[in-house]
Amino acid sequence: MLNRRHVLLGMGGALMASPATRLGAEAFEWQPIAPADAGFSPELEARLDRLIAEKRAWNLHGVVVARNGRLVLERYFEGEDEARGRRLGKVSFTAATPHDMRSVSKSVVSLLYGIALEQRKVPPPEAPLLASFPEHADLAGEAGRERLTIHHALTMTQGFLVAVAPLLQQLRYTMIFRKHIADP
């Protein structure tokens, strides 16, 4: 079962690969490195602990720091959590704790889109969104959808009720991962 750590570290590893030839599903074993050897303060963990103790950061679920393909720091905490609006109460997080990552996904998709855009593998943000999905031509028939651009999907500013958002989110992920990056 994939957990939050595997997802985050796998995406980070894929982004740091040079050149990135494909997104693999194989397990990746991170090699640890001391904070000082990675260019961080040798007191990185102590500083994080102080930040939390002084309540300058709160309800952190986990912190993973990687640099140049090496694992610098990995810590998990106890905090309040919810999943899709349902309160879960206080949870002791670990690398294996399932986690609702909707908001994180938006940032990761936007980052990957920017990389793919620089490599000219995806259309520009102002391109019509539904033009990238001829298999969903039926969606373009409704009034107002012809104005939608990739920018609208990336910024979640389509202007539709929440009931439509999951489909547009699925289209966004499909556009980034399947249609453009997977193509040679």
N, C-alpha and C. Protein backbone atom coordinates (compact mmCIF):
# COMPACT_ATOMS: atom_id res chain seq x y z
N MET A 1 0.84 -1.19 0.00
CA MET A 1 0.00 0.00 0.00
C MET A 1 0.88 1.24 0.00
N LEU A 2 0.59 2.16 -0.88
CA LEU A 2 1.33 3.43 -0.91
C LEU A 2 0.92 4.27 0.29
N ASN A 3 1.89 4.88 0.91
CA ASN A 3 1.58 5.80 1.99
C ASN A 3 2.07 7.19 1.61
N ARG A 4 1.80 8.14 2.45
CA ARG A 4 2.14 9.53 2.18
C ARG A 4 3.63 9.71 1.94
N ARG A 5 4.46 9.06 2.72
CA ARG A 5 5.91 9.20 2.56
C ARG A 5 6.34 8.71 1.19
N HIS A 6 5.85 7.52 0.79
CA HIS A 6 6.23 6.98 -0.51
C HIS A 6 5.80 7.92 -1.63
N VAL A 7 4.59 8.47 -1.53
CA VAL A 7 4.10 9.37 -2.58
C VAL A 7 4.97 10.63 -2.65
N LEU A 8 5.18 11.29 -1.51
CA LEU A 8 5.96 12.53 -1.51
C LEU A 8 7.41 12.29 -1.91
N LEU A 9 8.02 11.26 -1.35
CA LEU A 9 9.41 10.99 -1.69
C LEU A 9 9.55 10.53 -3.13
N GLY A 10 8.59 9.74 -3.60
CA GLY A 10 8.64 9.30 -4.99
C GLY A 10 8.53 10.46 -5.96
N MET A 11 7.60 11.38 -5.68
CA MET A 11 7.46 12.55 -6.55
C MET A 11 8.70 13.42 -6.49
N GLY A 12 9.25 13.59 -5.29
CA GLY A 12 10.47 14.39 -5.17
C GLY A 12 11.62 13.74 -5.91
N GLY A 13 11.73 12.42 -5.80
CA GLY A 13 12.78 11.71 -6.51
C GLY A 13 12.63 11.83 -8.01
N ALA A 14 11.39 11.73 -8.48
CA ALA A 14 11.13 11.86 -9.92
C ALA A 14 11.51 13.25 -10.41
N LEU A 15 11.22 14.28 -9.60
CA LEU A 15 11.55 15.64 -9.99
C LEU A 15 13.05 15.90 -9.98
N MET A 16 13.76 15.23 -9.06
CA MET A 16 15.19 15.47 -8.97
C MET A 16 16.00 14.65 -9.97
N ALA A 17 15.38 13.62 -10.56
CA ALA A 17 16.10 12.79 -11.52
C ALA A 17 16.51 13.64 -12.71
N SER A 18 17.71 13.44 -13.17
CA SER A 18 18.18 14.26 -14.27
C SER A 18 18.92 13.38 -15.26
N PRO A 19 18.47 13.17 -16.46
CA PRO A 19 17.17 13.65 -16.94
C PRO A 19 16.06 12.74 -16.46
N ALA A 20 14.87 13.30 -16.27
CA ALA A 20 13.71 12.52 -15.85
C ALA A 20 13.16 11.81 -17.07
N THR A 21 13.34 10.50 -17.13
CA THR A 21 12.92 9.77 -18.30
C THR A 21 11.55 9.14 -18.15
N ARG A 22 11.16 8.83 -16.91
CA ARG A 22 9.84 8.25 -16.70
C ARG A 22 9.53 8.31 -15.21
N LEU A 23 8.26 8.19 -14.89
CA LEU A 23 7.85 8.11 -13.50
C LEU A 23 7.74 6.63 -13.16
N GLY A 24 8.58 6.13 -12.30
CA GLY A 24 8.59 4.70 -11.99
C GLY A 24 7.76 4.37 -10.78
N ALA A 25 7.36 3.10 -10.70
CA ALA A 25 6.57 2.64 -9.58
C ALA A 25 7.42 1.81 -8.62
N GLU A 26 8.71 1.64 -8.94
CA GLU A 26 9.56 0.84 -8.08
C GLU A 26 9.78 1.55 -6.75
N ALA A 27 10.01 0.77 -5.73
CA ALA A 27 10.33 1.35 -4.42
C ALA A 27 11.68 2.03 -4.52
N PHE A 28 11.79 3.16 -3.87
CA PHE A 28 13.03 3.92 -3.87
C PHE A 28 13.53 3.97 -2.45
N GLU A 29 14.73 3.55 -2.22
CA GLU A 29 15.30 3.57 -0.88
C GLU A 29 16.20 4.79 -0.74
N TRP A 30 15.75 5.77 0.03
CA TRP A 30 16.51 6.99 0.23
C TRP A 30 17.73 6.72 1.09
N GLN A 31 18.84 7.30 0.70
CA GLN A 31 20.06 7.23 1.50
C GLN A 31 20.09 8.45 2.41
N PRO A 32 20.27 8.25 3.70
CA PRO A 32 20.28 9.40 4.62
C PRO A 32 21.57 10.20 4.49
N ILE A 33 21.47 11.46 4.87
CA ILE A 33 22.62 12.35 4.93
C ILE A 33 22.43 13.27 6.12
N ALA A 34 23.51 13.57 6.82
CA ALA A 34 23.44 14.47 7.98
C ALA A 34 23.09 15.88 7.48
N PRO A 35 22.29 16.61 8.24
CA PRO A 35 21.91 17.96 7.82
C PRO A 35 23.11 18.82 7.43
N ALA A 36 24.17 18.80 8.22
CA ALA A 36 25.34 19.64 7.92
C ALA A 36 25.98 19.23 6.59
N ASP A 37 26.00 17.93 6.30
CA ASP A 37 26.60 17.45 5.04
C ASP A 37 25.74 17.82 3.83
N ALA A 38 24.47 18.15 4.08
CA ALA A 38 23.56 18.52 2.99
C ALA A 38 23.43 20.04 2.87
N GLY A 39 24.20 20.78 3.66
CA GLY A 39 24.17 22.23 3.57
C GLY A 39 23.19 22.90 4.52
N PHE A 40 22.64 22.15 5.47
CA PHE A 40 21.74 22.71 6.47
C PHE A 40 22.49 22.87 7.79
N SER A 41 21.86 23.58 8.70
CA SER A 41 22.41 23.71 10.04
C SER A 41 22.49 22.32 10.67
N PRO A 42 23.58 22.02 11.39
CA PRO A 42 23.64 20.74 12.08
C PRO A 42 22.57 20.62 13.17
N GLU A 43 21.97 21.76 13.53
CA GLU A 43 20.92 21.78 14.56
C GLU A 43 19.52 21.77 13.96
N LEU A 44 19.38 21.26 12.76
CA LEU A 44 18.09 21.29 12.07
C LEU A 44 16.97 20.66 12.89
N GLU A 45 17.21 19.47 13.42
CA GLU A 45 16.17 18.80 14.21
C GLU A 45 15.85 19.57 15.48
N ALA A 46 16.87 20.08 16.15
CA ALA A 46 16.65 20.84 17.39
C ALA A 46 15.87 22.12 17.09
N ARG A 47 16.17 22.75 15.97
CA ARG A 47 15.43 23.96 15.59
C ARG A 47 13.96 23.64 15.32
N LEU A 48 13.72 22.53 14.65
CA LEU A 48 12.34 22.11 14.39
C LEU A 48 11.61 21.85 15.72
N ASP A 49 12.28 21.17 16.64
CA ASP A 49 11.67 20.90 17.95
C ASP A 49 11.34 22.20 18.68
N ARG A 50 12.24 23.19 18.63
CA ARG A 50 11.99 24.49 19.29
C ARG A 50 10.81 25.20 18.63
N LEU A 51 10.76 25.16 17.33
CA LEU A 51 9.68 25.79 16.59
C LEU A 51 8.32 25.26 17.05
N ILE A 52 8.27 23.97 17.25
CA ILE A 52 7.02 23.33 17.69
C ILE A 52 6.77 23.63 19.18
N ALA A 53 7.79 23.51 20.01
CA ALA A 53 7.63 23.75 21.45
C ALA A 53 7.20 25.18 21.74
N GLU A 54 7.70 26.12 20.94
CA GLU A 54 7.34 27.53 21.13
C GLU A 54 6.03 27.89 20.42
N LYS A 55 5.40 26.89 19.84
CA LYS A 55 4.11 27.05 19.15
C LYS A 55 4.17 28.06 18.00
N ARG A 56 5.34 28.15 17.36
CA ARG A 56 5.46 28.97 16.15
C ARG A 56 5.04 28.15 14.94
N ALA A 57 4.93 26.85 15.10
CA ALA A 57 4.36 25.94 14.10
C ALA A 57 3.49 24.96 14.88
N TRP A 58 2.32 24.68 14.36
CA TRP A 58 1.42 23.81 15.10
C TRP A 58 0.68 22.90 14.12
N ASN A 59 0.20 21.82 14.67
CA ASN A 59 -0.55 20.80 13.93
C ASN A 59 0.20 20.32 12.68
N LEU A 60 1.51 20.21 12.78
CA LEU A 60 2.28 19.59 11.70
C LEU A 60 2.04 18.10 11.75
N HIS A 61 1.82 17.52 10.61
CA HIS A 61 1.63 16.07 10.56
C HIS A 61 2.94 15.37 10.26
N GLY A 62 3.78 16.00 9.47
CA GLY A 62 5.07 15.42 9.14
C GLY A 62 5.93 16.42 8.39
N VAL A 63 7.23 16.21 8.49
CA VAL A 63 8.20 17.03 7.77
C VAL A 63 9.21 16.08 7.14
N VAL A 64 9.36 16.19 5.83
CA VAL A 64 10.36 15.40 5.11
C VAL A 64 11.23 16.39 4.33
N VAL A 65 12.54 16.32 4.55
CA VAL A 65 13.48 17.20 3.86
C VAL A 65 14.44 16.32 3.08
N ALA A 66 14.51 16.57 1.77
CA ALA A 66 15.45 15.85 0.91
C ALA A 66 16.25 16.87 0.11
N ARG A 67 17.48 16.55 -0.14
CA ARG A 67 18.31 17.42 -0.96
C ARG A 67 19.26 16.54 -1.78
N ASN A 68 19.28 16.84 -3.08
CA ASN A 68 20.16 16.12 -4.00
C ASN A 68 19.99 14.61 -3.91
N GLY A 69 18.73 14.18 -3.78
CA GLY A 69 18.44 12.75 -3.76
C GLY A 69 18.77 12.04 -2.46
N ARG A 70 19.03 12.78 -1.41
CA ARG A 70 19.36 12.19 -0.10
C ARG A 70 18.37 12.67 0.94
N LEU A 71 18.03 11.81 1.88
CA LEU A 71 17.08 12.12 2.94
C LEU A 71 17.79 12.81 4.10
N VAL A 72 17.44 14.07 4.33
CA VAL A 72 18.07 14.87 5.38
C VAL A 72 17.32 14.73 6.70
N LEU A 73 16.01 14.77 6.63
CA LEU A 73 15.20 14.75 7.86
C LEU A 73 13.84 14.16 7.54
N GLU A 74 13.36 13.32 8.44
CA GLU A 74 12.00 12.77 8.33
C GLU A 74 11.45 12.64 9.73
N ARG A 75 10.40 13.42 10.01
CA ARG A 75 9.79 13.41 11.33
C ARG A 75 8.28 13.45 11.20
N TYR A 76 7.60 12.75 12.09
CA TYR A 76 6.14 12.73 12.11
C TYR A 76 5.68 13.12 13.50
N PHE A 77 4.47 13.67 13.57
CA PHE A 77 3.98 14.25 14.81
C PHE A 77 2.57 13.78 15.11
N GLU A 78 2.05 14.24 16.23
CA GLU A 78 0.67 13.99 16.62
C GLU A 78 -0.11 15.27 16.40
N GLY A 79 -1.29 15.17 15.82
CA GLY A 79 -2.08 16.37 15.59
C GLY A 79 -3.50 16.05 15.16
N GLU A 80 -4.32 17.07 15.14
CA GLU A 80 -5.70 16.94 14.70
C GLU A 80 -5.74 16.68 13.20
N ASP A 81 -6.71 15.87 12.77
CA ASP A 81 -6.81 15.58 11.35
C ASP A 81 -8.27 15.42 10.98
N GLU A 82 -8.51 15.53 9.68
CA GLU A 82 -9.82 15.27 9.13
C GLU A 82 -9.65 14.67 7.74
N ALA A 83 -10.66 13.97 7.29
CA ALA A 83 -10.63 13.39 5.95
C ALA A 83 -11.96 13.72 5.28
N ARG A 84 -11.88 14.50 4.21
CA ARG A 84 -13.06 14.90 3.44
C ARG A 84 -14.15 15.49 4.34
N GLY A 85 -13.72 16.36 5.26
CA GLY A 85 -14.67 17.07 6.12
C GLY A 85 -15.07 16.32 7.37
N ARG A 86 -14.64 15.09 7.53
CA ARG A 86 -14.99 14.29 8.72
C ARG A 86 -13.83 14.35 9.69
N ARG A 87 -14.09 14.86 10.89
CA ARG A 87 -13.03 14.99 11.90
C ARG A 87 -12.58 13.62 12.36
N LEU A 88 -11.27 13.43 12.42
CA LEU A 88 -10.70 12.17 12.87
C LEU A 88 -10.14 12.26 14.29
N GLY A 89 -10.09 13.49 14.82
CA GLY A 89 -9.53 13.69 16.15
C GLY A 89 -8.02 13.74 16.10
N LYS A 90 -7.39 13.45 17.24
CA LYS A 90 -5.93 13.50 17.33
C LYS A 90 -5.36 12.20 16.77
N VAL A 91 -4.39 12.34 15.87
CA VAL A 91 -3.79 11.19 15.20
C VAL A 91 -2.28 11.24 15.42
N SER A 92 -1.68 10.10 15.73
CA SER A 92 -0.22 9.99 15.80
C SER A 92 0.25 9.56 14.42
N PHE A 93 0.80 10.50 13.67
CA PHE A 93 1.18 10.25 12.29
C PHE A 93 2.49 9.48 12.19
N THR A 94 2.56 8.63 11.18
CA THR A 94 3.77 7.89 10.83
C THR A 94 3.89 7.93 9.31
N ALA A 95 4.95 7.35 8.79
CA ALA A 95 5.11 7.29 7.33
C ALA A 95 3.99 6.47 6.70
N ALA A 96 3.38 5.57 7.46
CA ALA A 96 2.34 4.70 6.92
C ALA A 96 0.92 5.22 7.15
N THR A 97 0.76 6.35 7.83
CA THR A 97 -0.57 6.87 8.11
C THR A 97 -1.21 7.41 6.83
N PRO A 98 -2.40 6.87 6.44
CA PRO A 98 -3.08 7.44 5.27
C PRO A 98 -3.41 8.91 5.53
N HIS A 99 -3.34 9.70 4.47
CA HIS A 99 -3.51 11.14 4.66
C HIS A 99 -4.29 11.73 3.49
N ASP A 100 -5.25 12.57 3.79
CA ASP A 100 -6.03 13.28 2.78
C ASP A 100 -5.15 14.39 2.23
N MET A 101 -4.75 14.29 0.96
CA MET A 101 -3.75 15.20 0.41
C MET A 101 -4.28 16.08 -0.71
N ARG A 102 -5.56 16.39 -0.70
CA ARG A 102 -6.12 17.17 -1.82
C ARG A 102 -5.38 18.47 -2.07
N SER A 103 -5.15 19.27 -1.08
CA SER A 103 -4.50 20.56 -1.29
C SER A 103 -3.05 20.41 -1.74
N VAL A 104 -2.36 19.42 -1.19
CA VAL A 104 -0.98 19.17 -1.61
C VAL A 104 -0.96 18.79 -3.09
N SER A 105 -1.94 18.02 -3.52
CA SER A 105 -1.99 17.57 -4.91
C SER A 105 -2.01 18.74 -5.88
N LYS A 106 -2.73 19.81 -5.53
CA LYS A 106 -2.79 20.98 -6.43
C LYS A 106 -1.41 21.57 -6.64
N SER A 107 -0.65 21.68 -5.57
CA SER A 107 0.69 22.25 -5.68
C SER A 107 1.61 21.35 -6.49
N VAL A 108 1.54 20.06 -6.25
CA VAL A 108 2.39 19.12 -6.98
C VAL A 108 2.03 19.12 -8.47
N VAL A 109 0.74 19.10 -8.78
CA VAL A 109 0.33 19.11 -10.19
C VAL A 109 0.79 20.40 -10.87
N SER A 110 0.65 21.52 -10.19
CA SER A 110 1.10 22.79 -10.78
C SER A 110 2.61 22.80 -11.01
N LEU A 111 3.36 22.25 -10.07
CA LEU A 111 4.81 22.15 -10.24
C LEU A 111 5.16 21.27 -11.43
N LEU A 112 4.53 20.11 -11.52
CA LEU A 112 4.79 19.21 -12.65
C LEU A 112 4.36 19.83 -13.97
N TYR A 113 3.25 20.56 -13.95
CA TYR A 113 2.81 21.25 -15.17
C TYR A 113 3.87 22.26 -15.61
N GLY A 114 4.41 23.01 -14.66
CA GLY A 114 5.44 23.99 -15.00
C GLY A 114 6.66 23.34 -15.61
N ILE A 115 7.08 22.21 -15.08
CA ILE A 115 8.22 21.48 -15.65
C ILE A 115 7.88 21.00 -17.06
N ALA A 116 6.69 20.41 -17.21
CA ALA A 116 6.28 19.92 -18.53
C ALA A 116 6.12 21.07 -19.53
N LEU A 117 5.65 22.22 -19.06
CA LEU A 117 5.50 23.40 -19.92
C LEU A 117 6.87 23.87 -20.42
N GLU A 118 7.83 23.92 -19.53
CA GLU A 118 9.18 24.33 -19.92
C GLU A 118 9.76 23.38 -20.97
N GLN A 119 9.40 22.11 -20.87
CA GLN A 119 9.88 21.11 -21.83
C GLN A 119 8.98 21.02 -23.06
N ARG A 120 7.99 21.91 -23.14
CA ARG A 120 7.04 21.97 -24.25
C ARG A 120 6.27 20.66 -24.46
N LYS A 121 5.91 20.02 -23.36
CA LYS A 121 5.15 18.77 -23.42
C LYS A 121 3.67 18.98 -23.16
N VAL A 122 3.29 20.19 -22.75
CA VAL A 122 1.89 20.50 -22.49
C VAL A 122 1.56 21.83 -23.15
N PRO A 123 0.27 22.06 -23.43
CA PRO A 123 -0.13 23.35 -24.00
C PRO A 123 0.04 24.46 -22.97
N PRO A 124 0.09 25.72 -23.44
CA PRO A 124 0.24 26.84 -22.51
C PRO A 124 -1.02 27.01 -21.65
N PRO A 125 -0.89 27.72 -20.53
CA PRO A 125 -2.02 27.89 -19.61
C PRO A 125 -3.26 28.51 -20.25
N GLU A 126 -3.07 29.37 -21.26
CA GLU A 126 -4.22 30.03 -21.88
C GLU A 126 -4.93 29.16 -22.91
N ALA A 127 -4.43 27.95 -23.16
CA ALA A 127 -5.06 27.05 -24.14
C ALA A 127 -6.41 26.56 -23.62
N PRO A 128 -7.37 26.33 -24.52
CA PRO A 128 -8.68 25.81 -24.09
C PRO A 128 -8.52 24.45 -23.40
N LEU A 129 -9.12 24.31 -22.25
CA LEU A 129 -8.99 23.09 -21.46
C LEU A 129 -9.54 21.87 -22.18
N LEU A 130 -10.76 21.97 -22.65
CA LEU A 130 -11.40 20.79 -23.22
C LEU A 130 -10.83 20.39 -24.57
N ALA A 131 -10.07 21.26 -25.21
CA ALA A 131 -9.41 20.89 -26.47
C ALA A 131 -8.38 19.79 -26.24
N SER A 132 -7.88 19.69 -25.04
CA SER A 132 -6.91 18.64 -24.71
C SER A 132 -7.57 17.29 -24.48
N PHE A 133 -8.91 17.27 -24.49
CA PHE A 133 -9.64 16.04 -24.17
C PHE A 133 -10.73 15.76 -25.19
N PRO A 134 -10.36 15.41 -26.43
CA PRO A 134 -11.39 15.16 -27.44
C PRO A 134 -12.32 14.02 -27.03
N GLU A 135 -11.86 13.12 -26.18
CA GLU A 135 -12.70 12.01 -25.72
C GLU A 135 -13.83 12.49 -24.80
N HIS A 136 -13.78 13.77 -24.37
CA HIS A 136 -14.83 14.34 -23.53
C HIS A 136 -15.52 15.50 -24.24
N ALA A 137 -15.68 15.38 -25.54
CA ALA A 137 -16.30 16.46 -26.33
C ALA A 137 -17.70 16.80 -25.83
N ASP A 138 -18.40 15.84 -25.26
CA ASP A 138 -19.75 16.09 -24.76
C ASP A 138 -19.76 17.15 -23.64
N LEU A 139 -18.68 17.31 -22.93
CA LEU A 139 -18.62 18.31 -21.86
C LEU A 139 -18.60 19.73 -22.41
N ALA A 140 -18.07 19.90 -23.61
CA ALA A 140 -17.95 21.24 -24.19
C ALA A 140 -19.29 21.81 -24.63
N GLY A 141 -20.32 20.99 -24.69
CA GLY A 141 -21.62 21.44 -25.17
C GLY A 141 -22.36 22.36 -24.21
N GLU A 142 -22.03 22.35 -22.96
CA GLU A 142 -22.74 23.17 -21.99
C GLU A 142 -22.21 24.60 -22.01
N ALA A 143 -23.13 25.54 -21.87
CA ALA A 143 -22.78 26.97 -21.94
C ALA A 143 -21.71 27.32 -20.91
N GLY A 144 -20.75 28.11 -21.31
CA GLY A 144 -19.71 28.59 -20.42
C GLY A 144 -18.45 27.74 -20.40
N ARG A 145 -18.55 26.50 -20.82
CA ARG A 145 -17.38 25.62 -20.75
C ARG A 145 -16.35 25.92 -21.85
N GLU A 146 -16.78 26.55 -22.93
CA GLU A 146 -15.84 26.87 -24.00
C GLU A 146 -14.80 27.90 -23.55
N ARG A 147 -15.11 28.64 -22.50
CA ARG A 147 -14.18 29.66 -22.00
C ARG A 147 -13.10 29.08 -21.08
N LEU A 148 -13.25 27.85 -20.65
CA LEU A 148 -12.31 27.25 -19.70
C LEU A 148 -10.94 27.05 -20.32
N THR A 149 -9.91 27.42 -19.56
CA THR A 149 -8.54 27.22 -20.02
C THR A 149 -7.82 26.29 -19.04
N ILE A 150 -6.64 25.88 -19.42
CA ILE A 150 -5.82 25.07 -18.52
C ILE A 150 -5.54 25.86 -17.25
N HIS A 151 -5.33 27.16 -17.38
CA HIS A 151 -5.11 28.01 -16.20
C HIS A 151 -6.26 27.88 -15.21
N HIS A 152 -7.50 27.87 -15.71
CA HIS A 152 -8.66 27.72 -14.81
C HIS A 152 -8.57 26.41 -14.03
N ALA A 153 -8.19 25.34 -14.70
CA ALA A 153 -8.11 24.04 -14.01
C ALA A 153 -6.99 24.04 -12.98
N LEU A 154 -5.83 24.60 -13.34
CA LEU A 154 -4.70 24.61 -12.41
C LEU A 154 -4.96 25.47 -11.18
N THR A 155 -5.73 26.53 -11.33
CA THR A 155 -5.99 27.44 -10.21
C THR A 155 -7.35 27.20 -9.57
N MET A 156 -8.07 26.21 -10.07
CA MET A 156 -9.40 25.86 -9.58
C MET A 156 -10.33 27.07 -9.61
N THR A 157 -10.30 27.79 -10.72
CA THR A 157 -11.16 28.96 -10.89
C THR A 157 -12.13 28.76 -12.05
N GLN A 158 -12.62 27.53 -12.20
CA GLN A 158 -13.54 27.24 -13.30
C GLN A 158 -14.88 27.91 -13.10
N GLY A 159 -15.27 28.18 -11.86
CA GLY A 159 -16.55 28.83 -11.61
C GLY A 159 -17.73 27.88 -11.56
N PHE A 160 -17.48 26.60 -11.31
CA PHE A 160 -18.56 25.62 -11.23
C PHE A 160 -18.79 25.21 -9.79
N LEU A 161 -19.95 24.65 -9.54
CA LEU A 161 -20.26 24.12 -8.23
C LEU A 161 -19.34 22.95 -7.94
N VAL A 162 -19.21 22.62 -6.67
CA VAL A 162 -18.31 21.56 -6.24
C VAL A 162 -18.61 20.23 -6.93
N ALA A 163 -19.86 19.96 -7.28
CA ALA A 163 -20.21 18.69 -7.90
C ALA A 163 -19.48 18.49 -9.23
N VAL A 164 -19.11 19.54 -9.92
CA VAL A 164 -18.41 19.43 -11.21
C VAL A 164 -16.90 19.37 -11.00
N ALA A 165 -16.42 19.90 -9.90
CA ALA A 165 -14.98 20.01 -9.66
C ALA A 165 -14.24 18.67 -9.74
N PRO A 166 -14.76 17.55 -9.18
CA PRO A 166 -14.00 16.30 -9.27
C PRO A 166 -13.71 15.87 -10.71
N LEU A 167 -14.67 16.07 -11.62
CA LEU A 167 -14.43 15.71 -13.00
C LEU A 167 -13.35 16.58 -13.61
N LEU A 168 -13.39 17.88 -13.36
CA LEU A 168 -12.37 18.77 -13.91
C LEU A 168 -11.00 18.47 -13.29
N GLN A 169 -10.98 18.09 -12.01
CA GLN A 169 -9.72 17.71 -11.38
C GLN A 169 -9.17 16.45 -12.05
N GLN A 170 -10.05 15.49 -12.33
CA GLN A 170 -9.62 14.28 -13.02
C GLN A 170 -9.07 14.62 -14.40
N LEU A 171 -9.71 15.54 -15.10
CA LEU A 171 -9.22 15.96 -16.41
C LEU A 171 -7.84 16.59 -16.29
N ARG A 172 -7.63 17.39 -15.25
CA ARG A 172 -6.34 18.05 -15.05
C ARG A 172 -5.24 17.01 -14.85
N TYR A 173 -5.48 16.00 -14.00
CA TYR A 173 -4.47 14.97 -13.76
C TYR A 173 -4.23 14.17 -15.03
N THR A 174 -5.31 13.86 -15.75
CA THR A 174 -5.17 13.11 -16.99
C THR A 174 -4.31 13.89 -17.97
N MET A 175 -4.58 15.17 -18.10
CA MET A 175 -3.82 16.01 -19.04
C MET A 175 -2.34 15.98 -18.70
N ILE A 176 -2.01 16.15 -17.45
CA ILE A 176 -0.61 16.24 -17.06
C ILE A 176 0.10 14.90 -17.21
N PHE A 177 -0.47 13.86 -16.65
CA PHE A 177 0.27 12.62 -16.54
C PHE A 177 0.10 11.68 -17.73
N ARG A 178 -1.09 11.50 -18.22
CA ARG A 178 -1.31 10.50 -19.24
C ARG A 178 -1.08 11.04 -20.63
N LYS A 179 -1.76 12.09 -20.99
CA LYS A 179 -1.76 12.54 -22.37
C LYS A 179 -0.44 13.15 -22.82
N HIS A 180 0.17 13.98 -22.00
CA HIS A 180 1.33 14.74 -22.49
C HIS A 180 2.68 14.18 -22.02
N ILE A 181 2.83 13.89 -20.75
CA ILE A 181 4.13 13.45 -20.27
C ILE A 181 4.41 12.02 -20.74
N ALA A 182 3.41 11.19 -20.79
CA ALA A 182 3.63 9.81 -21.19
C ALA A 182 3.91 9.69 -22.70
N ASP A 183 3.47 10.66 -23.49
CA ASP A 183 3.74 10.60 -24.91
C ASP A 183 5.22 10.84 -25.19
N PRO A 184 5.78 10.14 -26.20
CA PRO A 184 7.20 10.35 -26.52
C PRO A 184 7.44 11.73 -27.10
